PDB file of N, CA and C in Angstrom:
ATOM      1  N   MET A   1       0.844  -1.178   0.000  1.00  0.00           N
ATOM      2  CA  MET A   1       0.000   0.000   0.000  1.00  0.00           C
ATOM      3  C   MET A   1       0.893   1.247   0.000  1.00  0.00           C
ATOM      4  N   ARG A   2       0.613   2.169  -0.893  1.00  0.00           N
ATOM      5  CA  ARG A   2       1.364   3.424  -0.952  1.00  0.00           C
ATOM      6  C   ARG A   2       0.970   4.310   0.219  1.00  0.00           C
ATOM      7  N   SER A   3       1.917   5.162   0.615  1.00  0.00           N
ATOM      8  CA  SER A   3       1.615   6.065   1.736  1.00  0.00           C
ATOM      9  C   SER A   3       0.437   6.976   1.412  1.00  0.00           C
ATOM     10  N   SER A   4       0.295   7.354   0.136  1.00  0.00           N
ATOM     11  CA  SER A   4      -0.810   8.247  -0.233  1.00  0.00           C
ATOM     12  C   SER A   4      -2.166   7.574  -0.041  1.00  0.00           C
ATOM     13  N   ASP A   5      -2.224   6.246  -0.162  1.00  0.00           N
ATOM     14  CA  ASP A   5      -3.482   5.525   0.053  1.00  0.00           C
ATOM     15  C   ASP A   5      -3.928   5.638   1.509  1.00  0.00           C
ATOM     16  N   ARG A   6      -2.970   5.675   2.427  1.00  0.00           N
ATOM     17  CA  ARG A   6      -3.301   5.778   3.849  1.00  0.00           C
ATOM     18  C   ARG A   6      -3.629   7.207   4.264  1.00  0.00           C
ATOM     19  N   LEU A   7      -3.391   8.172   3.395  1.00  0.00           N
ATOM     20  CA  LEU A   7      -3.624   9.578   3.727  1.00  0.00           C
ATOM     21  C   LEU A   7      -4.867  10.131   3.032  1.00  0.00           C
ATOM     22  N   GLN A   8      -5.671   9.245   2.477  1.00  0.00           N
ATOM     23  CA  GLN A   8      -6.923   9.653   1.833  1.00  0.00           C
ATOM     24  C   GLN A   8      -7.840  10.288   2.867  1.00  0.00           C
ATOM     25  N   GLY A   9      -8.592  11.281   2.460  1.00  0.00           N
ATOM     26  CA  GLY A   9      -9.585  11.875   3.333  1.00  0.00           C
ATOM     27  C   GLY A   9      -9.063  12.970   4.248  1.00  0.00           C
ATOM     28  N   LEU A  10      -7.764  13.265   4.168  1.00  0.00           N
ATOM     29  CA  LEU A  10      -7.232  14.352   4.986  1.00  0.00           C
ATOM     30  C   LEU A  10      -7.626  15.692   4.379  1.00  0.00           C
ATOM     31  N   SER A  11      -7.606  16.707   5.191  1.00  0.00           N
ATOM     32  CA  SER A  11      -7.893  18.058   4.721  1.00  0.00           C
ATOM     33  C   SER A  11      -6.563  18.718   4.350  1.00  0.00           C
ATOM     34  N   TRP A  12      -6.218  18.690   3.063  1.00  0.00           N
ATOM     35  CA  TRP A  12      -4.952  19.228   2.571  1.00  0.00           C
ATOM     36  C   TRP A  12      -5.082  20.724   2.348  1.00  0.00           C
ATOM     37  N   ARG A  13      -4.022  21.468   2.679  1.00  0.00           N
ATOM     38  CA  ARG A  13      -4.019  22.933   2.515  1.00  0.00           C
ATOM     39  C   ARG A  13      -2.822  23.342   1.662  1.00  0.00           C
ATOM     40  N   ARG A  14      -3.033  24.391   0.881  1.00  0.00           N
ATOM     41  CA  ARG A  14      -1.952  24.985   0.091  1.00  0.00           C
ATOM     42  C   ARG A  14      -1.636  26.357   0.657  1.00  0.00           C
ATOM     43  N   SER A  15      -0.452  26.804   0.353  1.00  0.00           N
ATOM     44  CA  SER A  15      -0.068  28.147   0.753  1.00  0.00           C
ATOM     45  C   SER A  15      -0.987  29.174   0.112  1.00  0.00           C
ATOM     46  N   SER A  16      -1.287  30.217   0.842  1.00  0.00           N
ATOM     47  CA  SER A  16      -2.089  31.300   0.279  1.00  0.00           C
ATOM     48  C   SER A  16      -1.309  32.039  -0.805  1.00  0.00           C
ATOM     49  N   ARG A  17      -0.022  31.799  -0.890  1.00  0.00           N
ATOM     50  CA  ARG A  17       0.820  32.425  -1.915  1.00  0.00           C
ATOM     51  C   ARG A  17       0.953  31.558  -3.161  1.00  0.00           C
ATOM     52  N   SER A  18       0.303  30.428  -3.173  1.00  0.00           N
ATOM     53  CA  SER A  18       0.349  29.558  -4.342  1.00  0.00           C
ATOM     54  C   SER A  18      -0.299  30.254  -5.530  1.00  0.00           C
ATOM     55  N   THR A  19       0.287  30.085  -6.699  1.00  0.00           N
ATOM     56  CA  THR A  19      -0.228  30.751  -7.895  1.00  0.00           C
ATOM     57  C   THR A  19      -1.305  29.939  -8.591  1.00  0.00           C
ATOM     58  N   GLY A  20      -1.616  28.758  -8.096  1.00  0.00           N
ATOM     59  CA  GLY A  20      -2.611  27.918  -8.750  1.00  0.00           C
ATOM     60  C   GLY A  20      -2.037  27.115  -9.899  1.00  0.00           C
ATOM     61  N   MET A  21      -0.726  27.155 -10.080  1.00  0.00           N
ATOM     62  CA  MET A  21      -0.080  26.420 -11.164  1.00  0.00           C
ATOM     63  C   MET A  21       0.401  25.039 -10.711  1.00  0.00           C
ATOM     64  N   ASN A  22      -0.006  24.612  -9.534  1.00  0.00           N
ATOM     65  CA  ASN A  22       0.413  23.322  -8.975  1.00  0.00           C
ATOM     66  C   ASN A  22       1.924  23.198  -8.841  1.00  0.00           C
ATOM     67  N   ASN A  23       2.581  24.269  -8.468  1.00  0.00           N
ATOM     68  CA  ASN A  23       4.027  24.218  -8.268  1.00  0.00           C
ATOM     69  C   ASN A  23       4.369  24.502  -6.804  1.00  0.00           C
ATOM     70  N   CYS A  24       3.637  23.850  -5.923  1.00  0.00           N
ATOM     71  CA  CYS A  24       3.858  24.074  -4.499  1.00  0.00           C
ATOM     72  C   CYS A  24       3.660  22.761  -3.748  1.00  0.00           C
ATOM     73  N   VAL A  25       3.709  22.851  -2.445  1.00  0.00           N
ATOM     74  CA  VAL A  25       3.421  21.694  -1.611  1.00  0.00           C
ATOM     75  C   VAL A  25       2.095  21.911  -0.905  1.00  0.00           C
ATOM     76  N   GLU A  26       1.514  20.817  -0.475  1.00  0.00           N
ATOM     77  CA  GLU A  26       0.292  20.848   0.328  1.00  0.00           C
ATOM     78  C   GLU A  26       0.603  20.197   1.659  1.00  0.00           C
ATOM     79  N   THR A  27      -0.057  20.655   2.710  1.00  0.00           N
ATOM     80  CA  THR A  27       0.148  20.087   4.036  1.00  0.00           C
ATOM     81  C   THR A  27      -1.181  19.644   4.634  1.00  0.00           C
ATOM     82  N   ALA A  28      -1.096  18.665   5.515  1.00  0.00           N
ATOM     83  CA  ALA A  28      -2.275  18.190   6.249  1.00  0.00           C
ATOM     84  C   ALA A  28      -1.821  17.776   7.641  1.00  0.00           C
ATOM     85  N   LEU A  29      -2.672  17.972   8.610  1.00  0.00           N
ATOM     86  CA  LEU A  29      -2.391  17.571   9.985  1.00  0.00           C
ATOM     87  C   LEU A  29      -2.960  16.175  10.201  1.00  0.00           C
ATOM     88  N   ILE A  30      -2.147  15.304  10.790  1.00  0.00           N
ATOM     89  CA  ILE A  30      -2.538  13.910  11.023  1.00  0.00           C
ATOM     90  C   ILE A  30      -2.478  13.613  12.520  1.00  0.00           C
ATOM     91  N   GLY A  31      -3.438  12.895  13.012  1.00  0.00           N
ATOM     92  CA  GLY A  31      -3.367  12.366  14.361  1.00  0.00           C
ATOM     93  C   GLY A  31      -4.182  13.144  15.371  1.00  0.00           C
ATOM     94  N   PRO A  32      -4.493  12.486  16.474  1.00  0.00           N
ATOM     95  CA  PRO A  32      -5.319  13.112  17.507  1.00  0.00           C
ATOM     96  C   PRO A  32      -4.510  14.065  18.369  1.00  0.00           C
ATOM     97  N   ALA A  33      -5.132  15.148  18.750  1.00  0.00           N
ATOM     98  CA  ALA A  33      -4.502  16.057  19.714  1.00  0.00           C
ATOM     99  C   ALA A  33      -4.697  15.472  21.103  1.00  0.00           C
ATOM    100  N   THR A  34      -3.696  15.595  21.928  1.00  0.00           N
ATOM    101  CA  THR A  34      -3.811  15.118  23.306  1.00  0.00           C
ATOM    102  C   THR A  34      -3.394  16.239  24.243  1.00  0.00           C
ATOM    103  N   VAL A  35      -3.672  16.068  25.492  1.00  0.00           N
ATOM    104  CA  VAL A  35      -3.287  17.084  26.468  1.00  0.00           C
ATOM    105  C   VAL A  35      -1.953  16.762  27.115  1.00  0.00           C
ATOM    106  N   VAL A  36      -1.336  15.676  26.713  1.00  0.00           N
ATOM    107  CA  VAL A  36      -0.053  15.286  27.286  1.00  0.00           C
ATOM    108  C   VAL A  36       1.054  16.093  26.622  1.00  0.00           C
ATOM    109  N   GLY A  37       1.928  16.713  27.408  1.00  0.00           N
ATOM    110  CA  GLY A  37       3.052  17.455  26.861  1.00  0.00           C
ATOM    111  C   GLY A  37       4.127  16.515  26.341  1.00  0.00           C
ATOM    112  N   THR A  38       4.763  16.895  25.243  1.00  0.00           N
ATOM    113  CA  THR A  38       5.856  16.112  24.664  1.00  0.00           C
ATOM    114  C   THR A  38       6.964  17.056  24.266  1.00  0.00           C
ATOM    115  N   ALA A  39       7.998  16.496  23.674  1.00  0.00           N
ATOM    116  CA  ALA A  39       9.091  17.322  23.165  1.00  0.00           C
ATOM    117  C   ALA A  39       8.605  18.242  22.057  1.00  0.00           C
ATOM    118  N   ASP A  40       7.500  17.890  21.403  1.00  0.00           N
ATOM    119  CA  ASP A  40       6.941  18.718  20.341  1.00  0.00           C
ATOM    120  C   ASP A  40       6.119  19.868  20.904  1.00  0.00           C
ATOM    121  N   GLY A  41       5.938  19.906  22.188  1.00  0.00           N
ATOM    122  CA  GLY A  41       5.143  20.970  22.794  1.00  0.00           C
ATOM    123  C   GLY A  41       3.903  20.399  23.429  1.00  0.00           C
ATOM    124  N   PRO A  42       3.271  21.136  24.291  1.00  0.00           N
ATOM    125  CA  PRO A  42       2.093  20.636  24.993  1.00  0.00           C
ATOM    126  C   PRO A  42       0.917  20.410  24.051  1.00  0.00           C
ATOM    127  N   GLY A  43       0.201  19.323  24.300  1.00  0.00           N
ATOM    128  CA  GLY A  43      -1.017  19.056  23.550  1.00  0.00           C
ATOM    129  C   GLY A  43      -0.808  18.592  22.130  1.00  0.00           C
ATOM    130  N   ARG A  44       0.393  18.111  21.780  1.00  0.00           N
ATOM    131  CA  ARG A  44       0.645  17.752  20.393  1.00  0.00           C
ATOM    132  C   ARG A  44       1.165  16.330  20.241  1.00  0.00           C
ATOM    133  N   SER A  45       1.063  15.541  21.261  1.00  0.00           N
ATOM    134  CA  SER A  45       1.541  14.166  21.196  1.00  0.00           C
ATOM    135  C   SER A  45       0.806  13.409  20.110  1.00  0.00           C
ATOM    136  N   GLY A  46       1.547  12.731  19.261  1.00  0.00           N
ATOM    137  CA  GLY A  46       0.946  11.919  18.215  1.00  0.00           C
ATOM    138  C   GLY A  46       0.605  12.667  16.947  1.00  0.00           C
ATOM    139  N   LEU A  47       0.732  13.981  16.936  1.00  0.00           N
ATOM    140  CA  LEU A  47       0.440  14.739  15.723  1.00  0.00           C
ATOM    141  C   LEU A  47       1.600  14.659  14.748  1.00  0.00           C
ATOM    142  N   ARG A  48       1.281  14.667  13.470  1.00  0.00           N
ATOM    143  CA  ARG A  48       2.275  14.737  12.409  1.00  0.00           C
ATOM    144  C   ARG A  48       1.764  15.682  11.345  1.00  0.00           C
ATOM    145  N   VAL A  49       2.684  16.302  10.640  1.00  0.00           N
ATOM    146  CA  VAL A  49       2.342  17.138   9.493  1.00  0.00           C
ATOM    147  C   VAL A  49       2.750  16.356   8.252  1.00  0.00           C
ATOM    148  N   ALA A  50       1.787  16.092   7.377  1.00  0.00           N
ATOM    149  CA  ALA A  50       2.065  15.417   6.108  1.00  0.00           C
ATOM    150  C   ALA A  50       2.296  16.493   5.056  1.00  0.00           C
ATOM    151  N   VAL A  51       3.286  16.280   4.199  1.00  0.00           N
ATOM    152  CA  VAL A  51       3.630  17.237   3.142  1.00  0.00           C
ATOM    153  C   VAL A  51       3.727  16.465   1.831  1.00  0.00           C
ATOM    154  N   ARG A  52       3.036  16.962   0.793  1.00  0.00           N
ATOM    155  CA  ARG A  52       3.083  16.295  -0.507  1.00  0.00           C
ATOM    156  C   ARG A  52       3.227  17.327  -1.627  1.00  0.00           C
ATOM    157  N   ASP A  53       3.618  16.855  -2.774  1.00  0.00           N
ATOM    158  CA  ASP A  53       3.768  17.672  -3.975  1.00  0.00           C
ATOM    159  C   ASP A  53       2.390  17.889  -4.590  1.00  0.00           C
ATOM    160  N   SER A  54       2.019  19.131  -4.825  1.00  0.00           N
ATOM    161  CA  SER A  54       0.689  19.408  -5.377  1.00  0.00           C
ATOM    162  C   SER A  54       0.529  18.903  -6.811  1.00  0.00           C
ATOM    163  N   LYS A  55       1.636  18.650  -7.503  1.00  0.00           N
ATOM    164  CA  LYS A  55       1.557  18.107  -8.867  1.00  0.00           C
ATOM    165  C   LYS A  55       1.326  16.602  -8.869  1.00  0.00           C
ATOM    166  N   ASP A  56       1.569  15.952  -7.734  1.00  0.00           N
ATOM    167  CA  ASP A  56       1.460  14.497  -7.648  1.00  0.00           C
ATOM    168  C   ASP A  56       0.730  14.125  -6.360  1.00  0.00           C
ATOM    169  N   THR A  57      -0.549  14.463  -6.290  1.00  0.00           N
ATOM    170  CA  THR A  57      -1.295  14.250  -5.044  1.00  0.00           C
ATOM    171  C   THR A  57      -1.487  12.773  -4.712  1.00  0.00           C
ATOM    172  N   ALA A  58      -1.316  11.889  -5.688  1.00  0.00           N
ATOM    173  CA  ALA A  58      -1.412  10.453  -5.417  1.00  0.00           C
ATOM    174  C   ALA A  58      -0.051   9.871  -5.047  1.00  0.00           C
ATOM    175  N   GLY A  59       0.970  10.696  -5.097  1.00  0.00           N
ATOM    176  CA  GLY A  59       2.319  10.228  -4.792  1.00  0.00           C
ATOM    177  C   GLY A  59       2.605  10.199  -3.303  1.00  0.00           C
ATOM    178  N   PRO A  60       3.865  10.022  -2.962  1.00  0.00           N
ATOM    179  CA  PRO A  60       4.245   9.898  -1.548  1.00  0.00           C
ATOM    180  C   PRO A  60       4.130  11.219  -0.801  1.00  0.00           C
ATOM    181  N   ALA A  61       4.047  11.102   0.503  1.00  0.00           N
ATOM    182  CA  ALA A  61       4.035  12.272   1.387  1.00  0.00           C
ATOM    183  C   ALA A  61       5.127  12.078   2.430  1.00  0.00           C
ATOM    184  N   LEU A  62       5.717  13.179   2.842  1.00  0.00           N
ATOM    185  CA  LEU A  62       6.684  13.159   3.932  1.00  0.00           C
ATOM    186  C   LEU A  62       5.956  13.515   5.218  1.00  0.00           C
ATOM    187  N   LEU A  63       6.359  12.908   6.333  1.00  0.00           N
ATOM    188  CA  LEU A  63       5.735  13.180   7.628  1.00  0.00           C
ATOM    189  C   LEU A  63       6.753  13.814   8.559  1.00  0.00           C
ATOM    190  N   PHE A  64       6.321  14.889   9.232  1.00  0.00           N
ATOM    191  CA  PHE A  64       7.173  15.620  10.155  1.00  0.00           C
ATOM    192  C   PHE A  64       6.444  15.824  11.475  1.00  0.00           C
ATOM    193  N   SER A  65       7.210  15.971  12.545  1.00  0.00           N
ATOM    194  CA  SER A  65       6.592  16.402  13.798  1.00  0.00           C
ATOM    195  C   SER A  65       6.212  17.869  13.614  1.00  0.00           C
ATOM    196  N   PRO A  66       5.228  18.355  14.352  1.00  0.00           N
ATOM    197  CA  PRO A  66       4.880  19.776  14.244  1.00  0.00           C
ATOM    198  C   PRO A  66       6.076  20.693  14.536  1.00  0.00           C
ATOM    199  N   ALA A  67       6.896  20.328  15.505  1.00  0.00           N
ATOM    200  CA  ALA A  67       8.055  21.168  15.849  1.00  0.00           C
ATOM    201  C   ALA A  67       9.052  21.230  14.693  1.00  0.00           C
ATOM    202  N   ALA A  68       9.305  20.098  14.051  1.00  0.00           N
ATOM    203  CA  ALA A  68      10.240  20.080  12.919  1.00  0.00           C
ATOM    204  C   ALA A  68       9.696  20.895  11.753  1.00  0.00           C
ATOM    205  N   TRP A  69       8.398  20.779  11.469  1.00  0.00           N
ATOM    206  CA  TRP A  69       7.801  21.542  10.368  1.00  0.00           C
ATOM    207  C   TRP A  69       7.837  23.044  10.670  1.00  0.00           C
ATOM    208  N   GLU A  70       7.510  23.421  11.903  1.00  0.00           N
ATOM    209  CA  GLU A  70       7.528  24.838  12.271  1.00  0.00           C
ATOM    210  C   GLU A  70       8.935  25.417  12.169  1.00  0.00           C
ATOM    211  N   LEU A  71       9.936  24.649  12.546  1.00  0.00           N
ATOM    212  CA  LEU A  71      11.324  25.101  12.415  1.00  0.00           C
ATOM    213  C   LEU A  71      11.679  25.296  10.940  1.00  0.00           C
ATOM    214  N   PHE A  72      11.309  24.353  10.092  1.00  0.00           N
ATOM    215  CA  PHE A  72      11.575  24.469   8.660  1.00  0.00           C
ATOM    216  C   PHE A  72      10.922  25.731   8.089  1.00  0.00           C
ATOM    217  N   VAL A  73       9.654  25.948   8.390  1.00  0.00           N
ATOM    218  CA  VAL A  73       8.935  27.127   7.881  1.00  0.00           C
ATOM    219  C   VAL A  73       9.594  28.410   8.384  1.00  0.00           C
ATOM    220  N   ARG A  74       9.982  28.418   9.636  1.00  0.00           N
ATOM    221  CA  ARG A  74      10.642  29.606  10.197  1.00  0.00           C
ATOM    222  C   ARG A  74      11.961  29.890   9.469  1.00  0.00           C
ATOM    223  N   GLU A  75      12.724  28.847   9.170  1.00  0.00           N
ATOM    224  CA  GLU A  75      13.987  29.015   8.460  1.00  0.00           C
ATOM    225  C   GLU A  75      13.772  29.485   7.021  1.00  0.00           C
ATOM    226  N   VAL A  76      12.736  28.992   6.370  1.00  0.00           N
ATOM    227  CA  VAL A  76      12.406  29.452   5.011  1.00  0.00           C
ATOM    228  C   VAL A  76      12.070  30.938   5.046  1.00  0.00           C
ATOM    229  N   ARG A  77      11.209  31.321   5.971  1.00  0.00           N
ATOM    230  CA  ARG A  77      10.817  32.737   6.090  1.00  0.00           C
ATOM    231  C   ARG A  77      12.012  33.640   6.384  1.00  0.00           C
ATOM    232  N   ALA A  78      12.993  33.110   7.101  1.00  0.00           N
ATOM    233  CA  ALA A  78      14.188  33.890   7.435  1.00  0.00           C
ATOM    234  C   ALA A  78      15.182  33.939   6.275  1.00  0.00           C
ATOM    235  N   GLY A  79      14.890  33.244   5.182  1.00  0.00           N
ATOM    236  CA  GLY A  79      15.768  33.271   4.012  1.00  0.00           C
ATOM    237  C   GLY A  79      16.961  32.360   4.101  1.00  0.00           C
ATOM    238  N   ARG A  80      16.943  31.393   4.986  1.00  0.00           N
ATOM    239  CA  ARG A  80      18.096  30.508   5.182  1.00  0.00           C
ATOM    240  C   ARG A  80      18.379  29.585   3.983  1.00  0.00           C
ATOM    241  N   PHE A  81      17.407  29.411   3.094  1.00  0.00           N
ATOM    242  CA  PHE A  81      17.585  28.498   1.966  1.00  0.00           C
ATOM    243  C   PHE A  81      17.690  29.234   0.630  1.00  0.00           C
ATOM    244  N   GLU A  82      17.867  30.547   0.685  1.00  0.00           N
ATOM    245  CA  GLU A  82      17.999  31.322  -0.552  1.00  0.00           C
ATOM    246  C   GLU A  82      19.290  30.927  -1.264  1.00  0.00           C
ATOM    247  N   ARG A  83      19.216  30.872  -2.582  1.00  0.00           N
ATOM    248  CA  ARG A  83      20.420  30.578  -3.371  1.00  0.00           C
ATOM    249  C   ARG A  83      21.337  31.774  -3.329  1.00  0.00           C
ATOM    250  N   ARG A  84      22.579  31.480  -3.168  1.00  0.00           N
ATOM    251  CA  ARG A  84      23.588  32.544  -3.170  1.00  0.00           C
ATOM    252  C   ARG A  84      24.289  32.532  -4.534  1.00  0.00           C
ATOM    253  N   SER A  85      24.449  33.699  -5.117  1.00  0.00           N
ATOM    254  CA  SER A  85      25.097  33.741  -6.443  1.00  0.00           C
ATOM    255  C   SER A  85      26.569  33.992  -6.339  1.00  0.00           C
TER     256      SER A  85
END
């Protein structure tokens, strides 16, 4: 079974900055929220963020902890991945 088959029915979101040309990623939140604190922060035990290519929605998805995804987004916003000429 492909990972995308197990992620059917999730509520996928695109960036509000997406141009509609399917050249972005989509994200979905997976798992139940709990009140138990974890290394990912309070109330987030068992949660994962699924990320997939909007051009290949039936393809694979990567799974991240909420803390790892938030760190990645923060680093992108800070310009840490900009190409240097």
